[in-house]
N, C-alpha and C. Protein backbone atom coordinates (compact mmCIF):
# COMPACT_ATOMS: atom_id res chain seq x y z
N MET A 1 -96.90 -81.15 58.64
CA MET A 1 -96.77 -81.41 60.14
C MET A 1 -98.56 -82.63 60.32
N SER A 2 -98.03 -83.24 60.90
CA SER A 2 -99.30 -83.94 60.97
C SER A 2 -100.50 -83.44 61.62
N GLY A 3 -101.87 -83.79 61.53
CA GLY A 3 -103.22 -83.71 62.18
C GLY A 3 -103.11 -82.67 63.51
N THR A 4 -102.20 -84.63 64.69
CA THR A 4 -101.99 -84.09 66.00
C THR A 4 -101.08 -82.76 66.15
N ASN A 5 -100.05 -82.59 65.24
CA ASN A 5 -99.00 -81.47 65.93
C ASN A 5 -100.08 -79.79 65.62
N ASP A 6 -100.57 -79.84 63.90
CA ASP A 6 -101.63 -79.02 63.52
C ASP A 6 -102.46 -77.87 65.14
N ILE A 7 -103.10 -79.26 65.38
CA ILE A 7 -103.71 -79.11 66.47
C ILE A 7 -103.46 -78.41 68.17
N ALA A 8 -101.92 -79.19 67.97
CA ALA A 8 -101.55 -78.86 69.33
C ALA A 8 -101.26 -77.50 69.04
N GLN A 9 -100.71 -76.83 68.05
CA GLN A 9 -100.08 -75.71 67.37
C GLN A 9 -100.82 -74.50 67.34
N GLU A 10 -102.44 -75.28 66.57
CA GLU A 10 -103.11 -74.16 66.61
C GLU A 10 -103.74 -73.90 68.66
N THR A 11 -104.13 -74.85 69.18
CA THR A 11 -104.37 -74.75 69.99
C THR A 11 -103.13 -74.18 71.65
N PHE A 12 -102.00 -74.11 71.23
CA PHE A 12 -100.73 -73.59 71.57
C PHE A 12 -101.04 -71.63 71.47
N VAL A 13 -101.73 -71.53 70.34
CA VAL A 13 -101.47 -70.35 70.30
C VAL A 13 -102.71 -69.60 71.14
N VAL A 14 -104.07 -70.27 70.23
CA VAL A 14 -104.99 -69.65 71.11
C VAL A 14 -104.88 -69.41 72.36
N GLY A 15 -104.42 -70.31 73.42
CA GLY A 15 -103.61 -70.81 74.58
C GLY A 15 -102.10 -69.35 74.87
N LEU A 16 -102.19 -68.94 73.95
CA LEU A 16 -101.44 -67.74 74.32
C LEU A 16 -102.28 -66.50 74.29
N ARG A 17 -103.12 -66.54 73.28
CA ARG A 17 -104.40 -65.84 73.37
C ARG A 17 -104.71 -65.05 74.63
N ASN A 18 -104.84 -66.76 74.72
CA ASN A 18 -106.14 -66.10 75.85
C ASN A 18 -104.93 -66.05 77.59
N GLN A 19 -103.67 -66.47 77.28
CA GLN A 19 -103.02 -66.18 78.55
C GLN A 19 -102.42 -65.00 78.81
N HIS A 20 -102.32 -64.10 77.60
CA HIS A 20 -101.94 -62.78 77.50
C HIS A 20 -103.26 -61.59 77.92
N ALA A 21 -104.41 -61.94 77.85
CA ALA A 21 -105.30 -61.76 78.27
C ALA A 21 -106.02 -61.76 80.13
N VAL A 22 -105.08 -62.53 79.90
CA VAL A 22 -105.17 -62.84 82.04
C VAL A 22 -104.22 -62.56 82.59
N GLU A 23 -103.05 -62.22 81.75
CA GLU A 23 -102.50 -61.53 82.75
C GLU A 23 -102.72 -60.11 82.27
N GLN A 24 -103.56 -59.80 81.48
CA GLN A 24 -103.62 -58.07 81.32
C GLN A 24 -104.55 -57.78 82.18
N GLN A 25 -105.72 -58.88 83.12
CA GLN A 25 -106.33 -59.32 84.04
C GLN A 25 -106.18 -58.85 85.37
N ALA A 26 -104.78 -59.68 85.03
CA ALA A 26 -103.78 -59.89 86.33
C ALA A 26 -103.54 -57.75 86.59
N ILE A 27 -102.75 -57.52 85.65
CA ILE A 27 -102.16 -56.37 85.74
C ILE A 27 -102.96 -54.98 86.22
N GLU A 28 -104.59 -54.99 85.70
CA GLU A 28 -105.47 -54.11 86.45
C GLU A 28 -105.91 -54.72 87.42
N LEU A 29 -105.64 -56.08 87.87
CA LEU A 29 -106.73 -56.29 89.54
C LEU A 29 -105.26 -55.69 90.35
N LEU A 30 -103.97 -55.57 90.28
CA LEU A 30 -102.81 -55.52 90.71
C LEU A 30 -103.08 -53.33 91.18
N GLU A 31 -102.98 -53.45 89.57
CA GLU A 31 -103.03 -51.81 90.19
C GLU A 31 -104.14 -51.75 90.99
N ARG A 32 -105.31 -51.90 90.45
CA ARG A 32 -106.14 -51.68 91.60
C ARG A 32 -106.13 -51.38 93.02
N GLN A 33 -105.46 -52.29 93.38
CA GLN A 33 -105.11 -53.22 94.43
C GLN A 33 -104.02 -51.82 95.48
N LEU A 34 -103.26 -51.83 94.62
CA LEU A 34 -101.94 -51.19 94.91
C LEU A 34 -102.62 -50.20 95.55
N GLY A 35 -103.41 -49.36 95.21
CA GLY A 35 -103.90 -47.96 95.86
C GLY A 35 -104.04 -47.88 97.18
N ARG A 36 -104.74 -48.88 97.59
CA ARG A 36 -105.36 -49.39 98.60
C ARG A 36 -104.49 -50.19 99.64
N LEU A 37 -103.62 -50.36 99.64
CA LEU A 37 -103.04 -50.91 100.87
C LEU A 37 -101.78 -50.56 101.50
N VAL A 38 -101.76 -49.17 101.82
CA VAL A 38 -101.14 -48.10 102.55
C VAL A 38 -100.56 -48.82 104.01
N ASN A 39 -101.60 -49.71 104.50
CA ASN A 39 -101.97 -50.08 105.56
C ASN A 39 -101.15 -50.89 106.04
N TYR A 40 -100.56 -51.80 104.62
CA TYR A 40 -100.41 -52.83 104.45
C TYR A 40 -98.81 -53.12 103.71
N PRO A 41 -97.71 -52.27 104.64
CA PRO A 41 -96.73 -52.07 103.06
C PRO A 41 -96.15 -53.57 102.67
N GLU A 42 -96.34 -54.09 104.13
CA GLU A 42 -94.81 -55.73 102.77
C GLU A 42 -96.06 -56.07 102.03
N LEU A 43 -97.37 -56.49 102.23
CA LEU A 43 -97.75 -57.09 101.14
C LEU A 43 -98.17 -55.65 99.35
N GLU A 44 -98.37 -54.71 99.61
CA GLU A 44 -98.19 -53.80 98.72
C GLU A 44 -96.66 -53.81 98.05
N GLU A 45 -95.63 -53.81 98.81
CA GLU A 45 -94.19 -53.91 97.62
C GLU A 45 -94.28 -55.13 97.23
N ARG A 46 -95.08 -56.30 97.70
CA ARG A 46 -94.96 -58.16 96.81
C ARG A 46 -95.97 -57.62 95.69
N ILE A 47 -97.20 -57.02 95.81
CA ILE A 47 -97.84 -56.84 94.41
C ILE A 47 -97.21 -56.03 93.67
N ARG A 48 -96.27 -54.75 94.35
CA ARG A 48 -95.84 -54.22 93.13
C ARG A 48 -94.59 -54.82 92.05
N LEU A 49 -93.79 -55.55 93.02
CA LEU A 49 -93.32 -56.43 92.35
C LEU A 49 -93.67 -57.93 90.88
N HIS A 50 -95.01 -58.05 92.11
CA HIS A 50 -95.40 -59.22 91.08
C HIS A 50 -96.16 -58.08 89.72
N LEU A 51 -96.58 -56.69 90.04
CA LEU A 51 -97.51 -55.80 88.92
C LEU A 51 -96.28 -56.11 88.13
N GLU A 52 -94.82 -55.60 87.97
CA GLU A 52 -93.85 -55.82 87.15
C GLU A 52 -93.81 -56.89 86.18
N GLU A 53 -93.56 -57.99 87.34
CA GLU A 53 -93.65 -59.29 86.84
C GLU A 53 -94.65 -59.73 85.57
N SER A 54 -95.92 -59.30 86.17
CA SER A 54 -96.98 -59.55 85.57
C SER A 54 -97.23 -58.94 83.63
N LYS A 55 -96.41 -57.86 83.70
CA LYS A 55 -96.09 -56.71 82.66
C LYS A 55 -95.38 -57.79 81.87
N GLU A 56 -94.07 -58.18 82.70
CA GLU A 56 -93.06 -59.13 81.87
C GLU A 56 -93.86 -59.67 80.99
N GLN A 57 -94.18 -60.49 81.77
CA GLN A 57 -95.02 -62.24 80.88
C GLN A 57 -95.68 -61.76 79.92
N ALA A 58 -96.53 -60.57 80.41
CA ALA A 58 -97.68 -60.32 79.16
C ALA A 58 -96.32 -60.13 77.69
N ARG A 59 -95.61 -58.95 77.97
CA ARG A 59 -94.37 -59.05 77.00
C ARG A 59 -93.83 -60.46 75.94
N ARG A 60 -93.47 -61.13 77.61
CA ARG A 60 -92.85 -62.34 77.24
C ARG A 60 -93.99 -63.30 75.64
N ILE A 61 -95.20 -63.26 76.78
CA ILE A 61 -96.42 -63.74 75.93
C ILE A 61 -96.20 -62.91 74.22
N ASP A 62 -96.33 -61.72 74.37
CA ASP A 62 -96.05 -60.91 72.67
C ASP A 62 -95.12 -61.64 71.77
N ASP A 63 -94.01 -61.35 72.26
CA ASP A 63 -92.91 -62.07 71.70
C ASP A 63 -92.95 -63.62 71.35
N LEU A 64 -93.87 -64.36 72.18
CA LEU A 64 -93.91 -65.88 71.42
C LEU A 64 -95.12 -65.72 70.26
N LEU A 65 -96.06 -64.43 70.20
CA LEU A 65 -97.36 -64.59 69.56
C LEU A 65 -96.31 -64.07 68.51
N ASP A 66 -95.52 -62.97 68.51
CA ASP A 66 -95.15 -62.74 66.94
C ASP A 66 -94.14 -63.46 66.04
N GLY A 67 -93.36 -64.47 67.19
CA GLY A 67 -92.89 -65.47 66.10
C GLY A 67 -93.50 -66.56 65.65
N PHE A 68 -95.42 -66.42 65.69
CA PHE A 68 -96.16 -66.72 65.10
C PHE A 68 -96.65 -66.09 64.27
N GLY A 69 -95.92 -65.04 64.04
CA GLY A 69 -96.95 -63.93 62.99
C GLY A 69 -98.25 -63.38 63.40
N THR A 70 -98.16 -63.90 64.56
CA THR A 70 -100.41 -63.01 65.35
C THR A 70 -99.35 -62.08 66.40
N SER A 71 -100.52 -61.50 66.93
CA SER A 71 -100.68 -61.49 67.98
C SER A 71 -101.45 -61.17 69.23
N ALA A 72 -101.50 -60.63 70.46
CA ALA A 72 -102.90 -61.20 71.23
C ALA A 72 -104.19 -60.12 70.52
N SER A 73 -105.06 -61.47 71.31
CA SER A 73 -106.25 -60.78 71.41
C SER A 73 -106.52 -59.63 71.54
N SER A 74 -107.22 -58.21 70.81
CA SER A 74 -107.73 -56.63 71.38
C SER A 74 -108.57 -57.10 72.41
N LEU A 75 -109.29 -57.86 71.40
CA LEU A 75 -111.09 -58.16 72.40
C LEU A 75 -111.23 -59.09 74.24
N LYS A 76 -109.80 -60.08 73.87
CA LYS A 76 -110.11 -60.66 74.71
C LYS A 76 -109.28 -59.77 75.76
N ASP A 77 -108.44 -59.15 75.35
CA ASP A 77 -107.56 -58.14 76.27
C ASP A 77 -108.17 -57.48 77.16
N ALA A 78 -109.02 -56.54 76.35
CA ALA A 78 -109.88 -55.44 76.72
C ALA A 78 -110.93 -56.16 77.85
N VAL A 79 -111.98 -57.28 77.22
CA VAL A 79 -113.03 -58.06 78.24
C VAL A 79 -111.99 -58.57 79.32
N LEU A 80 -111.10 -59.25 79.34
CA LEU A 80 -110.86 -60.00 80.79
C LEU A 80 -109.64 -58.65 81.81
N SER A 81 -109.91 -57.10 81.18
CA SER A 81 -108.94 -56.07 81.00
C SER A 81 -110.49 -55.37 82.33
N PHE A 82 -111.53 -55.31 81.47
CA PHE A 82 -112.84 -55.02 82.16
C PHE A 82 -113.20 -55.96 83.57
N VAL A 83 -112.86 -57.21 82.95
CA VAL A 83 -113.44 -58.30 84.31
C VAL A 83 -112.55 -57.96 85.49
N GLY A 84 -110.87 -57.78 85.25
CA GLY A 84 -109.91 -57.48 86.21
C GLY A 84 -110.51 -56.26 86.88
N ASN A 85 -110.99 -55.07 86.35
CA ASN A 85 -111.49 -53.87 87.13
C ASN A 85 -112.84 -54.18 88.15
N VAL A 86 -113.35 -54.69 87.73
CA VAL A 86 -114.58 -55.02 88.28
C VAL A 86 -114.38 -55.97 89.35
N ALA A 87 -113.98 -57.03 89.52
CA ALA A 87 -113.26 -57.90 90.76
C ALA A 87 -113.08 -57.23 91.77
N ALA A 88 -111.82 -55.89 90.92
CA ALA A 88 -111.03 -55.17 91.93
C ALA A 88 -112.01 -54.57 92.95
N LEU A 89 -112.78 -53.35 91.85
CA LEU A 89 -113.70 -52.69 92.41
C LEU A 89 -114.84 -53.04 93.33
N ALA A 90 -115.11 -54.57 93.08
CA ALA A 90 -116.09 -55.16 94.27
C ALA A 90 -115.62 -55.46 95.25
N HIS A 91 -114.54 -55.73 95.40
CA HIS A 91 -113.63 -56.16 97.02
C HIS A 91 -113.99 -54.91 98.04
N VAL A 92 -113.33 -52.80 97.27
CA VAL A 92 -113.52 -52.20 97.86
C VAL A 92 -114.70 -51.81 98.71
N PRO A 93 -115.73 -52.02 98.67
CA PRO A 93 -116.87 -51.54 99.62
C PRO A 93 -116.48 -52.16 100.85
N ALA A 94 -115.97 -53.20 100.85
CA ALA A 94 -115.91 -54.35 101.92
C ALA A 94 -115.19 -54.39 102.78
N SER A 95 -115.80 -54.64 104.16
CA SER A 95 -114.66 -54.31 105.25
C SER A 95 -113.26 -55.22 105.81
N ASP A 96 -113.73 -55.97 104.77
CA ASP A 96 -112.71 -57.06 104.64
C ASP A 96 -111.84 -56.90 103.49
N GLU A 97 -111.88 -55.66 102.65
CA GLU A 97 -111.50 -55.85 101.42
C GLU A 97 -110.34 -57.16 101.17
N VAL A 98 -108.85 -56.56 102.37
CA VAL A 98 -108.06 -56.90 102.15
C VAL A 98 -108.13 -58.51 102.33
N ILE A 99 -108.61 -59.44 102.80
CA ILE A 99 -108.82 -61.07 103.31
C ILE A 99 -109.30 -60.71 101.69
N LYS A 100 -110.32 -60.50 101.19
CA LYS A 100 -111.35 -60.90 100.16
C LYS A 100 -110.00 -60.87 99.25
N ASN A 101 -109.39 -59.77 99.01
CA ASN A 101 -107.76 -59.49 98.25
C ASN A 101 -107.15 -60.73 98.07
N THR A 102 -107.06 -60.69 98.92
CA THR A 102 -105.93 -62.17 99.39
C THR A 102 -106.23 -63.26 98.84
N LEU A 103 -107.59 -63.85 99.42
CA LEU A 103 -108.42 -65.00 98.72
C LEU A 103 -108.61 -64.87 97.40
N ALA A 104 -108.66 -63.62 96.67
CA ALA A 104 -108.55 -63.87 94.95
C ALA A 104 -107.35 -63.60 94.44
N ASN A 105 -106.42 -63.50 95.18
CA ASN A 105 -104.99 -63.37 94.52
C ASN A 105 -104.88 -64.80 94.59
N TYR A 106 -104.57 -65.31 95.85
CA TYR A 106 -104.30 -66.89 96.13
C TYR A 106 -105.38 -67.44 94.95
N ALA A 107 -105.95 -67.92 94.77
CA ALA A 107 -106.54 -68.30 93.33
C ALA A 107 -106.64 -68.08 92.09
N PHE A 108 -106.19 -66.60 91.89
CA PHE A 108 -106.03 -66.86 90.84
C PHE A 108 -104.44 -66.95 90.52
N GLU A 109 -103.64 -66.86 91.65
CA GLU A 109 -102.33 -67.18 90.81
C GLU A 109 -102.08 -68.88 90.71
N HIS A 110 -103.01 -69.63 91.34
CA HIS A 110 -103.07 -71.19 91.20
C HIS A 110 -103.60 -71.00 90.12
N TYR A 111 -104.84 -70.35 88.90
CA TYR A 111 -105.59 -70.11 88.21
C TYR A 111 -104.20 -69.74 86.82
N GLU A 112 -103.46 -69.17 87.35
CA GLU A 112 -102.22 -69.38 86.38
C GLU A 112 -101.01 -70.05 86.09
N ILE A 113 -101.02 -70.59 87.11
CA ILE A 113 -100.30 -71.78 87.37
C ILE A 113 -100.40 -73.00 86.48
N ALA A 114 -101.64 -72.94 86.40
CA ALA A 114 -102.53 -74.22 85.99
C ALA A 114 -102.21 -73.59 84.39
N SER A 115 -102.78 -72.32 84.08
CA SER A 115 -102.36 -72.27 82.81
C SER A 115 -101.24 -72.17 81.87
N TYR A 116 -99.89 -71.54 82.88
CA TYR A 116 -98.44 -72.06 82.52
C TYR A 116 -98.06 -73.58 82.02
N LYS A 117 -98.74 -74.02 83.00
CA LYS A 117 -98.35 -75.89 83.13
C LYS A 117 -98.83 -76.41 81.75
N THR A 118 -99.66 -75.90 81.11
CA THR A 118 -100.83 -76.46 80.41
C THR A 118 -99.97 -75.49 79.01
N LEU A 119 -100.07 -74.58 78.67
CA LEU A 119 -99.16 -74.03 77.32
C LEU A 119 -97.66 -74.69 77.94
N LEU A 120 -97.10 -75.00 78.70
CA LEU A 120 -95.83 -76.19 78.53
C LEU A 120 -96.07 -77.33 77.87
N VAL A 121 -97.08 -78.24 78.56
CA VAL A 121 -97.48 -78.68 77.05
C VAL A 121 -97.67 -79.11 75.61
N LEU A 122 -98.47 -77.87 75.95
CA LEU A 122 -98.88 -77.18 74.29
C LEU A 122 -97.49 -77.21 73.92
N ALA A 123 -96.71 -76.60 74.44
CA ALA A 123 -94.97 -76.28 73.65
C ALA A 123 -94.43 -77.07 73.05
N ASP A 124 -94.68 -78.17 74.11
CA ASP A 124 -94.15 -78.79 73.77
C ASP A 124 -94.59 -80.00 72.73
N ALA A 125 -96.28 -80.42 72.65
CA ALA A 125 -96.82 -80.96 71.86
C ALA A 125 -96.13 -80.62 70.50
N SER A 126 -96.61 -79.39 69.89
CA SER A 126 -96.37 -78.96 69.41
C SER A 126 -95.28 -78.02 68.22
N GLY A 127 -94.16 -79.12 69.27
CA GLY A 127 -92.19 -79.07 68.72
C GLY A 127 -92.41 -77.79 68.55
N HIS A 128 -92.90 -77.05 70.26
CA HIS A 128 -92.08 -75.42 70.06
C HIS A 128 -91.65 -75.08 71.34
N SER A 129 -90.39 -75.64 71.57
CA SER A 129 -89.47 -76.17 72.67
C SER A 129 -89.19 -74.85 73.16
N ASN A 130 -88.73 -74.26 72.08
CA ASN A 130 -87.96 -72.61 72.45
C ASN A 130 -88.73 -72.12 73.39
N ALA A 131 -90.12 -72.43 73.39
CA ALA A 131 -90.64 -71.62 74.63
C ALA A 131 -90.76 -71.87 75.77
N GLN A 132 -90.00 -72.95 76.44
CA GLN A 132 -89.71 -73.80 77.51
C GLN A 132 -89.34 -72.33 78.54
N THR A 133 -88.16 -71.73 78.38
CA THR A 133 -88.14 -70.92 79.19
C THR A 133 -88.95 -69.77 79.42
N ALA A 134 -89.46 -69.16 78.47
CA ALA A 134 -89.68 -67.95 78.85
C ALA A 134 -91.13 -69.00 79.55
N LEU A 135 -91.72 -69.52 79.08
CA LEU A 135 -93.54 -70.10 80.36
C LEU A 135 -92.85 -71.18 81.41
N THR A 136 -91.83 -71.26 81.07
CA THR A 136 -90.85 -71.81 82.29
C THR A 136 -90.60 -70.12 84.14
N GLN A 137 -90.25 -69.29 83.04
CA GLN A 137 -90.13 -68.31 83.96
C GLN A 137 -91.25 -67.65 84.38
N SER A 138 -91.86 -67.94 83.75
CA SER A 138 -93.27 -66.88 83.85
C SER A 138 -94.05 -68.17 85.15
N LEU A 139 -94.24 -69.26 84.79
CA LEU A 139 -94.52 -70.38 85.47
C LEU A 139 -93.51 -70.51 87.21
N GLN A 140 -92.55 -69.99 87.25
CA GLN A 140 -92.41 -70.21 88.46
C GLN A 140 -92.25 -68.80 89.18
N GLU A 141 -92.40 -67.79 88.20
CA GLU A 141 -92.84 -66.54 89.40
C GLU A 141 -94.35 -66.18 89.69
N GLU A 142 -95.20 -66.81 88.88
CA GLU A 142 -96.44 -67.24 89.59
C GLU A 142 -96.43 -68.33 90.61
N GLN A 143 -95.52 -69.30 90.63
CA GLN A 143 -95.53 -69.81 91.88
C GLN A 143 -95.36 -69.59 93.37
N GLN A 144 -93.66 -68.89 93.04
CA GLN A 144 -93.31 -68.02 94.24
C GLN A 144 -94.51 -66.71 94.66
N MET A 145 -94.95 -66.50 93.73
CA MET A 145 -95.82 -65.52 94.25
C MET A 145 -97.41 -66.18 94.91
N ALA A 146 -97.64 -67.17 94.47
CA ALA A 146 -98.72 -67.92 94.83
C ALA A 146 -98.06 -68.49 97.02
N HIS A 147 -96.75 -68.95 96.49
CA HIS A 147 -96.14 -69.17 97.84
C HIS A 147 -96.06 -68.05 98.54
N TRP A 148 -96.12 -66.87 98.31
CA TRP A 148 -95.37 -65.99 99.40
C TRP A 148 -97.14 -65.26 99.79
N ILE A 149 -98.53 -65.59 99.06
CA ILE A 149 -99.48 -65.32 99.40
C ILE A 149 -99.65 -66.41 100.61
N ASP A 150 -99.39 -67.65 100.12
CA ASP A 150 -99.81 -68.62 101.44
C ASP A 150 -98.66 -68.05 102.21
N GLU A 151 -97.87 -67.76 102.12
CA GLU A 151 -96.63 -67.52 103.63
C GLU A 151 -97.41 -66.31 104.60
N HIS A 152 -98.31 -65.62 103.99
CA HIS A 152 -98.81 -64.73 104.46
C HIS A 152 -100.25 -64.13 104.66
N ILE A 153 -100.95 -64.91 104.75
CA ILE A 153 -102.32 -65.23 104.74
C ILE A 153 -102.70 -65.16 106.42
N LYS A 154 -102.14 -65.36 107.39
CA LYS A 154 -101.88 -65.56 108.57
C LYS A 154 -101.28 -64.47 109.10
N PRO A 155 -100.28 -64.05 108.43
CA PRO A 155 -99.99 -62.09 109.10
C PRO A 155 -100.60 -60.84 108.48
N THR A 156 -101.24 -61.05 107.67
CA THR A 156 -102.32 -60.58 106.83
C THR A 156 -103.93 -60.24 107.46
N VAL A 157 -104.15 -61.75 107.66
CA VAL A 157 -105.25 -61.73 108.38
C VAL A 157 -105.31 -61.33 109.97
N LEU A 158 -104.37 -61.27 110.53
CA LEU A 158 -104.07 -61.08 111.88
C LEU A 158 -104.11 -59.17 111.68
N HIS A 159 -103.38 -58.71 111.08
CA HIS A 159 -103.39 -57.52 110.60
C HIS A 159 -104.50 -56.80 111.02
N TYR A 160 -105.00 -57.09 110.15
CA TYR A 160 -107.02 -56.66 110.12
C TYR A 160 -107.25 -56.67 111.17
N LEU A 161 -107.54 -57.33 111.75
CA LEU A 161 -108.06 -57.91 113.12
C LEU A 161 -107.17 -56.84 113.71
N GLU A 162 -106.08 -56.67 114.19
CA GLU A 162 -105.55 -55.64 114.77
C GLU A 162 -106.00 -54.31 114.58
N ARG A 163 -106.32 -53.98 113.34
CA ARG A 163 -106.73 -52.65 112.83
C ARG A 163 -108.03 -52.29 113.08
N THR A 164 -108.62 -53.54 113.30
CA THR A 164 -110.37 -53.53 113.25
C THR A 164 -110.63 -53.09 114.34
N ALA A 165 -109.72 -53.82 115.51
CA ALA A 165 -109.90 -53.80 117.28
C ALA A 165 -109.71 -52.45 117.09
N ALA A 166 -108.58 -51.78 117.22
CA ALA A 166 -108.29 -50.19 117.90
C ALA A 166 -108.79 -49.31 116.73
N GLY A 167 -109.89 -50.06 116.21
CA GLY A 167 -110.95 -49.31 115.18
C GLY A 167 -110.70 -48.16 114.43
N GLU A 168 -109.50 -48.40 113.52
CA GLU A 168 -108.23 -47.87 112.62
C GLU A 168 -109.39 -48.27 111.41
N THR A 169 -109.01 -47.46 110.24
CA THR A 169 -109.99 -48.72 108.44
C THR A 169 -108.93 -49.78 108.47
N ALA A 170 -109.67 -50.68 108.59
CA ALA A 170 -109.26 -52.25 108.62
C ALA A 170 -109.34 -52.88 107.24
N GLY A 171 -109.46 -51.94 106.21
CA GLY A 171 -109.77 -52.45 104.81
C GLY A 171 -108.52 -51.66 103.86
N ARG A 172 -108.43 -51.17 104.12
CA ARG A 172 -107.03 -50.28 103.44
C ARG A 172 -105.88 -50.34 104.11
């Protein structure tokens, strides 16, 4: 391998470990949000589906790391999992929790989209085109989730406003 290929492969493996930790963070965020979406059944259903996708994405990354004879970073996973819990809990006391979570989820999905695009470049640069299928599938799932959130910002906010105006618990 040339020096550039060595660097590309090292960066690719680090990127896979980082993305695994990000997926663990996503799983924590989504699990925490699920229990608080009783009044938003469509959002709850989509979050539940994306939670399963996120678990599958983490598994795909585990498989890719196994191919390199390594595994995810337990420390990175634990730290970002903790951050995911803190982030999810930070919005709980807010009366507009569902709006804050929608904004955060939209931004988070775009971060993941950028991460998967970067991993695809690194896979190609390091000669690991066999990783393209798994990474592309995860990228597409993140893009679909970001699109879904984008399409549902307005109805989510309007539903929140209706519940608040009716004197109902708006945040859940």
